Amino acid sequence: LKQCLETNITRSRQEAAPVEVGLYYE
């Protein structure tokens, strides 16, 4: 629980969109 809450805090402080990586593969 503690780690999950800390992760959510980190995400809430993000100020930019994530880098989008697309992989087209077989």
PDB file of all heavy atoms in Angstrom:
ATOM      1  N   LEU A   1       0.823  -1.207   0.000  1.00  0.00           N
ATOM      2  CA  LEU A   1       0.000   0.000   0.000  1.00  0.00           C
ATOM      3  C   LEU A   1       0.857   1.256   0.000  1.00  0.00           C
ATOM      4  O   LEU A   1       0.618   2.186  -0.778  1.00  0.00           O
ATOM      5  CB  LEU A   1      -0.931   0.002   1.221  1.00  0.00           C
ATOM      6  CG  LEU A   1      -1.785   1.265   1.407  1.00  0.00           C
ATOM      7  CD1 LEU A   1      -2.701   1.474   0.208  1.00  0.00           C
ATOM      8  CD2 LEU A   1      -2.597   1.178   2.690  1.00  0.00           C
ATOM      9  N   LYS A   2       1.874   1.312   0.861  1.00  0.00           N
ATOM     10  CA  LYS A   2       2.724   2.497   0.954  1.00  0.00           C
ATOM     11  C   LYS A   2       3.404   2.781  -0.381  1.00  0.00           C
ATOM     12  O   LYS A   2       3.419   3.915  -0.867  1.00  0.00           O
ATOM     13  CB  LYS A   2       3.778   2.301   2.043  1.00  0.00           C
ATOM     14  CG  LYS A   2       4.765   3.465   2.195  1.00  0.00           C
ATOM     15  CD  LYS A   2       5.693   3.210   3.383  1.00  0.00           C
ATOM     16  CE  LYS A   2       6.685   4.356   3.546  1.00  0.00           C
ATOM     17  NZ  LYS A   2       7.694   4.357   2.468  1.00  0.00           N
ATOM     18  N   GLN A   3       3.953   1.735  -1.011  1.00  0.00           N
ATOM     19  CA  GLN A   3       4.644   1.926  -2.283  1.00  0.00           C
ATOM     20  C   GLN A   3       3.691   2.368  -3.379  1.00  0.00           C
ATOM     21  O   GLN A   3       4.033   3.208  -4.215  1.00  0.00           O
ATOM     22  CB  GLN A   3       5.368   0.633  -2.690  1.00  0.00           C
ATOM     23  CG  GLN A   3       6.536   0.270  -1.773  1.00  0.00           C
ATOM     24  CD  GLN A   3       6.109  -0.591  -0.596  1.00  0.00           C
ATOM     25  OE1 GLN A   3       4.935  -0.596  -0.209  1.00  0.00           O
ATOM     26  NE2 GLN A   3       7.057  -1.315  -0.010  1.00  0.00           N
ATOM     27  N   CYS A   4       2.480   1.817  -3.389  1.00  0.00           N
ATOM     28  CA  CYS A   4       1.504   2.201  -4.406  1.00  0.00           C
ATOM     29  C   CYS A   4       1.092   3.656  -4.250  1.00  0.00           C
ATOM     30  O   CYS A   4       0.961   4.395  -5.232  1.00  0.00           O
ATOM     31  CB  CYS A   4       0.267   1.307  -4.334  1.00  0.00           C
ATOM     32  SG  CYS A   4       0.564  -0.410  -4.836  1.00  0.00           S
ATOM     33  N   LEU A   5       0.897   4.087  -2.994  1.00  0.00           N
ATOM     34  CA  LEU A   5       0.536   5.473  -2.745  1.00  0.00           C
ATOM     35  C   LEU A   5       1.659   6.410  -3.169  1.00  0.00           C
ATOM     36  O   LEU A   5       1.417   7.472  -3.743  1.00  0.00           O
ATOM     37  CB  LEU A   5       0.206   5.671  -1.263  1.00  0.00           C
ATOM     38  CG  LEU A   5      -1.073   5.001  -0.764  1.00  0.00           C
ATOM     39  CD1 LEU A   5      -1.209   5.171   0.748  1.00  0.00           C
ATOM     40  CD2 LEU A   5      -2.296   5.577  -1.469  1.00  0.00           C
ATOM     41  N   GLU A   6       2.902   6.014  -2.897  1.00  0.00           N
ATOM     42  CA  GLU A   6       4.038   6.850  -3.294  1.00  0.00           C
ATOM     43  C   GLU A   6       4.141   6.956  -4.801  1.00  0.00           C
ATOM     44  O   GLU A   6       4.475   8.013  -5.357  1.00  0.00           O
ATOM     45  CB  GLU A   6       5.334   6.277  -2.702  1.00  0.00           C
ATOM     46  CG  GLU A   6       5.437   6.451  -1.204  1.00  0.00           C
ATOM     47  CD  GLU A   6       6.671   5.795  -0.616  1.00  0.00           C
ATOM     48  OE1 GLU A   6       7.316   5.015  -1.354  1.00  0.00           O
ATOM     49  OE2 GLU A   6       6.999   6.058   0.553  1.00  0.00           O
ATOM     50  N   THR A   7       3.853   5.864  -5.495  1.00  0.00           N
ATOM     51  CA  THR A   7       3.882   5.883  -6.958  1.00  0.00           C
ATOM     52  C   THR A   7       2.824   6.825  -7.505  1.00  0.00           C
ATOM     53  O   THR A   7       3.067   7.576  -8.449  1.00  0.00           O
ATOM     54  CB  THR A   7       3.655   4.463  -7.508  1.00  0.00           C
ATOM     55  OG1 THR A   7       4.685   3.612  -7.038  1.00  0.00           O
ATOM     56  CG2 THR A   7       3.677   4.473  -9.030  1.00  0.00           C
ATOM     57  N   ASN A   8       1.642   6.805  -6.899  1.00  0.00           N
ATOM     58  CA  ASN A   8       0.576   7.712  -7.342  1.00  0.00           C
ATOM     59  C   ASN A   8       0.947   9.161  -7.110  1.00  0.00           C
ATOM     60  O   ASN A   8       0.617  10.042  -7.908  1.00  0.00           O
ATOM     61  CB  ASN A   8      -0.731   7.381  -6.623  1.00  0.00           C
ATOM     62  CG  ASN A   8      -1.338   6.087  -7.104  1.00  0.00           C
ATOM     63  OD1 ASN A   8      -1.096   5.683  -8.240  1.00  0.00           O
ATOM     64  ND2 ASN A   8      -2.114   5.429  -6.255  1.00  0.00           N
ATOM     65  N   ILE A   9       1.665   9.448  -5.999  1.00  0.00           N
ATOM     66  CA  ILE A   9       2.125  10.806  -5.738  1.00  0.00           C
ATOM     67  C   ILE A   9       3.087  11.251  -6.825  1.00  0.00           C
ATOM     68  O   ILE A   9       3.019  12.358  -7.350  1.00  0.00           O
ATOM     69  CB  ILE A   9       2.807  10.888  -4.349  1.00  0.00           C
ATOM     70  CG1 ILE A   9       1.770  10.710  -3.249  1.00  0.00           C
ATOM     71  CG2 ILE A   9       3.526  12.221  -4.189  1.00  0.00           C
ATOM     72  CD1 ILE A   9       2.361  10.608  -1.856  1.00  0.00           C
ATOM     73  N   THR A  10       4.004  10.361  -7.203  1.00  0.00           N
ATOM     74  CA  THR A  10       4.961  10.686  -8.254  1.00  0.00           C
ATOM     75  C   THR A  10       4.240  11.029  -9.547  1.00  0.00           C
ATOM     76  O   THR A  10       4.557  12.007 -10.220  1.00  0.00           O
ATOM     77  CB  THR A  10       5.903   9.487  -8.496  1.00  0.00           C
ATOM     78  OG1 THR A  10       6.586   9.185  -7.285  1.00  0.00           O
ATOM     79  CG2 THR A  10       6.930   9.816  -9.577  1.00  0.00           C
ATOM     80  N   ARG A  11       3.256  10.225  -9.905  1.00  0.00           N
ATOM     81  CA  ARG A  11       2.544  10.453 -11.163  1.00  0.00           C
ATOM     82  C   ARG A  11       1.770  11.759 -11.128  1.00  0.00           C
ATOM     83  O   ARG A  11       1.666  12.465 -12.121  1.00  0.00           O
ATOM     84  CB  ARG A  11       1.610   9.284 -11.449  1.00  0.00           C
ATOM     85  CG  ARG A  11       2.371   8.022 -11.821  1.00  0.00           C
ATOM     86  CD  ARG A  11       1.430   6.902 -12.186  1.00  0.00           C
ATOM     87  NE  ARG A  11       2.164   5.781 -12.735  1.00  0.00           N
ATOM     88  CZ  ARG A  11       1.597   4.656 -13.140  1.00  0.00           C
ATOM     89  NH1 ARG A  11       0.293   4.506 -13.059  1.00  0.00           N
ATOM     90  NH2 ARG A  11       2.321   3.680 -13.638  1.00  0.00           N
ATOM     91  N   SER A  12       1.193  12.088  -9.945  1.00  0.00           N
ATOM     92  CA  SER A  12       0.401  13.312  -9.852  1.00  0.00           C
ATOM     93  C   SER A  12       1.272  14.546 -10.020  1.00  0.00           C
ATOM     94  O   SER A  12       0.777  15.612 -10.359  1.00  0.00           O
ATOM     95  CB  SER A  12      -0.330  13.355  -8.507  1.00  0.00           C
ATOM     96  OG  SER A  12       0.580  13.500  -7.435  1.00  0.00           O
ATOM     97  N   ARG A  13       2.571  14.413  -9.772  1.00  0.00           N
ATOM     98  CA  ARG A  13       3.481  15.547  -9.886  1.00  0.00           C
ATOM     99  C   ARG A  13       4.098  15.675 -11.271  1.00  0.00           C
ATOM    100  O   ARG A  13       4.851  16.601 -11.532  1.00  0.00           O
ATOM    101  CB  ARG A  13       4.606  15.409  -8.838  1.00  0.00           C
ATOM    102  CG  ARG A  13       4.103  15.543  -7.403  1.00  0.00           C
ATOM    103  CD  ARG A  13       5.242  15.384  -6.416  1.00  0.00           C
ATOM    104  NE  ARG A  13       4.774  15.526  -5.045  1.00  0.00           N
ATOM    105  CZ  ARG A  13       5.554  15.360  -3.972  1.00  0.00           C
ATOM    106  NH1 ARG A  13       6.827  15.040  -4.133  1.00  0.00           N
ATOM    107  NH2 ARG A  13       5.059  15.510  -2.763  1.00  0.00           N
ATOM    108  N   GLN A  14       3.818  14.737 -12.131  1.00  0.00           N
ATOM    109  CA  GLN A  14       4.367  14.810 -13.474  1.00  0.00           C
ATOM    110  C   GLN A  14       3.805  16.023 -14.203  1.00  0.00           C
ATOM    111  O   GLN A  14       2.617  16.321 -14.123  1.00  0.00           O
ATOM    112  CB  GLN A  14       4.054  13.540 -14.253  1.00  0.00           C
ATOM    113  CG  GLN A  14       4.860  12.341 -13.782  1.00  0.00           C
ATOM    114  CD  GLN A  14       4.521  11.098 -14.570  1.00  0.00           C
ATOM    115  OE1 GLN A  14       3.515  11.046 -15.271  1.00  0.00           O
ATOM    116  NE2 GLN A  14       5.347  10.083 -14.464  1.00  0.00           N
ATOM    117  N   GLU A  15       4.681  16.714 -14.907  1.00  0.00           N
ATOM    118  CA  GLU A  15       4.306  17.946 -15.577  1.00  0.00           C
ATOM    119  C   GLU A  15       4.345  17.822 -17.092  1.00  0.00           C
ATOM    120  O   GLU A  15       4.175  18.806 -17.793  1.00  0.00           O
ATOM    121  CB  GLU A  15       5.237  19.075 -15.128  1.00  0.00           C
ATOM    122  CG  GLU A  15       5.185  19.325 -13.621  1.00  0.00           C
ATOM    123  CD  GLU A  15       6.203  20.349 -13.162  1.00  0.00           C
ATOM    124  OE1 GLU A  15       6.912  20.900 -14.044  1.00  0.00           O
ATOM    125  OE2 GLU A  15       6.301  20.599 -11.956  1.00  0.00           O
ATOM    126  N   ALA A  16       4.588  16.653 -17.601  1.00  0.00           N
ATOM    127  CA  ALA A  16       4.699  16.478 -19.047  1.00  0.00           C
ATOM    128  C   ALA A  16       4.103  15.142 -19.462  1.00  0.00           C
ATOM    129  O   ALA A  16       4.006  14.211 -18.659  1.00  0.00           O
ATOM    130  CB  ALA A  16       6.172  16.555 -19.481  1.00  0.00           C
ATOM    131  N   ALA A  17       3.703  15.068 -20.711  1.00  0.00           N
ATOM    132  CA  ALA A  17       3.168  13.818 -21.252  1.00  0.00           C
ATOM    133  C   ALA A  17       4.287  12.793 -21.371  1.00  0.00           C
ATOM    134  O   ALA A  17       5.448  13.139 -21.597  1.00  0.00           O
ATOM    135  CB  ALA A  17       2.545  14.074 -22.613  1.00  0.00           C
ATOM    136  N   PRO A  18       3.959  11.511 -21.223  1.00  0.00           N
ATOM    137  CA  PRO A  18       4.988  10.485 -21.381  1.00  0.00           C
ATOM    138  C   PRO A  18       5.482  10.410 -22.818  1.00  0.00           C
ATOM    139  O   PRO A  18       4.774  10.798 -23.752  1.00  0.00           O
ATOM    140  CB  PRO A  18       4.265   9.199 -20.979  1.00  0.00           C
ATOM    141  CG  PRO A  18       2.819   9.485 -21.226  1.00  0.00           C
ATOM    142  CD  PRO A  18       2.634  10.936 -20.935  1.00  0.00           C
ATOM    143  N   VAL A  19       6.680   9.928 -22.993  1.00  0.00           N
ATOM    144  CA  VAL A  19       7.217   9.675 -24.325  1.00  0.00           C
ATOM    145  C   VAL A  19       6.526   8.437 -24.882  1.00  0.00           C
ATOM    146  O   VAL A  19       6.505   7.390 -24.225  1.00  0.00           O
ATOM    147  CB  VAL A  19       8.746   9.457 -24.281  1.00  0.00           C
ATOM    148  CG1 VAL A  19       9.289   9.134 -25.663  1.00  0.00           C
ATOM    149  CG2 VAL A  19       9.439  10.680 -23.694  1.00  0.00           C
ATOM    150  N   GLU A  20       5.946   8.551 -26.054  1.00  0.00           N
ATOM    151  CA  GLU A  20       5.201   7.448 -26.649  1.00  0.00           C
ATOM    152  C   GLU A  20       6.106   6.630 -27.564  1.00  0.00           C
ATOM    153  O   GLU A  20       6.634   7.140 -28.541  1.00  0.00           O
ATOM    154  CB  GLU A  20       4.003   7.985 -27.434  1.00  0.00           C
ATOM    155  CG  GLU A  20       2.994   8.719 -26.559  1.00  0.00           C
ATOM    156  CD  GLU A  20       1.811   9.233 -27.354  1.00  0.00           C
ATOM    157  OE1 GLU A  20       1.768   8.975 -28.584  1.00  0.00           O
ATOM    158  OE2 GLU A  20       0.944   9.894 -26.756  1.00  0.00           O
ATOM    159  N   VAL A  21       6.261   5.369 -27.224  1.00  0.00           N
ATOM    160  CA  VAL A  21       7.106   4.454 -27.991  1.00  0.00           C
ATOM    161  C   VAL A  21       6.218   3.408 -28.660  1.00  0.00           C
ATOM    162  O   VAL A  21       5.464   2.706 -27.981  1.00  0.00           O
ATOM    163  CB  VAL A  21       8.146   3.761 -27.086  1.00  0.00           C
ATOM    164  CG1 VAL A  21       8.991   2.776 -27.898  1.00  0.00           C
ATOM    165  CG2 VAL A  21       9.020   4.796 -26.393  1.00  0.00           C
ATOM    166  N   GLY A  22       6.281   3.321 -29.966  1.00  0.00           N
ATOM    167  CA  GLY A  22       5.541   2.313 -30.703  1.00  0.00           C
ATOM    168  C   GLY A  22       6.491   1.276 -31.277  1.00  0.00           C
ATOM    169  O   GLY A  22       7.535   1.633 -31.837  1.00  0.00           O
ATOM    170  N   LEU A  23       6.147   0.009 -31.122  1.00  0.00           N
ATOM    171  CA  LEU A  23       6.959  -1.065 -31.695  1.00  0.00           C
ATOM    172  C   LEU A  23       6.100  -1.884 -32.641  1.00  0.00           C
ATOM    173  O   LEU A  23       5.124  -2.515 -32.229  1.00  0.00           O
ATOM    174  CB  LEU A  23       7.534  -1.969 -30.605  1.00  0.00           C
ATOM    175  CG  LEU A  23       8.324  -3.177 -31.123  1.00  0.00           C
ATOM    176  CD1 LEU A  23       9.562  -2.723 -31.909  1.00  0.00           C
ATOM    177  CD2 LEU A  23       8.724  -4.111 -29.982  1.00  0.00           C
ATOM    178  N   TYR A  24       6.480  -1.881 -33.901  1.00  0.00           N
ATOM    179  CA  TYR A  24       5.830  -2.686 -34.933  1.00  0.00           C
ATOM    180  C   TYR A  24       6.756  -3.862 -35.188  1.00  0.00           C
ATOM    181  O   TYR A  24       7.911  -3.683 -35.609  1.00  0.00           O
ATOM    182  CB  TYR A  24       5.593  -1.841 -36.192  1.00  0.00           C
ATOM    183  CG  TYR A  24       4.626  -0.708 -35.942  1.00  0.00           C
ATOM    184  CD1 TYR A  24       5.036   0.448 -35.284  1.00  0.00           C
ATOM    185  CD2 TYR A  24       3.294  -0.801 -36.340  1.00  0.00           C
ATOM    186  CE1 TYR A  24       4.143   1.484 -35.023  1.00  0.00           C
ATOM    187  CE2 TYR A  24       2.395   0.227 -36.093  1.00  0.00           C
ATOM    188  CZ  TYR A  24       2.831   1.369 -35.430  1.00  0.00           C
ATOM    189  OH  TYR A  24       1.943   2.385 -35.178  1.00  0.00           O
ATOM    190  N   TYR A  25       6.261  -5.080 -34.953  1.00  0.00           N
ATOM    191  CA  TYR A  25       7.162  -6.225 -34.904  1.00  0.00           C
ATOM    192  C   TYR A  25       6.450  -7.498 -35.317  1.00  0.00           C
ATOM    193  O   TYR A  25       5.241  -7.514 -35.597  1.00  0.00           O
ATOM    194  CB  TYR A  25       7.738  -6.364 -33.494  1.00  0.00           C
ATOM    195  CG  TYR A  25       6.743  -6.862 -32.460  1.00  0.00           C
ATOM    196  CD1 TYR A  25       6.797  -8.172 -31.990  1.00  0.00           C
ATOM    197  CD2 TYR A  25       5.759  -6.020 -31.938  1.00  0.00           C
ATOM    198  CE1 TYR A  25       5.890  -8.636 -31.044  1.00  0.00           C
ATOM    199  CE2 TYR A  25       4.860  -6.469 -30.986  1.00  0.00           C
ATOM    200  CZ  TYR A  25       4.922  -7.781 -30.539  1.00  0.00           C
ATOM    201  OH  TYR A  25       4.031  -8.240 -29.607  1.00  0.00           O
ATOM    202  N   GLU A  26       7.213  -8.587 -35.332  1.00  0.00           N
ATOM    203  CA  GLU A  26       6.699  -9.930 -35.594  1.00  0.00           C
ATOM    204  C   GLU A  26       7.142 -10.844 -34.469  1.00  0.00           C
ATOM    205  O   GLU A  26       8.272 -10.735 -33.978  1.00  0.00           O
ATOM    206  CB  GLU A  26       7.231 -10.459 -36.924  1.00  0.00           C
ATOM    207  CG  GLU A  26       6.872  -9.617 -38.127  1.00  0.00           C
ATOM    208  CD  GLU A  26       7.693  -9.968 -39.367  1.00  0.00           C
ATOM    209  OE1 GLU A  26       8.719 -10.684 -39.235  1.00  0.00           O
ATOM    210  OE2 GLU A  26       7.300  -9.523 -40.458  1.00  0.00           O
TER     211      GLU A  26
END
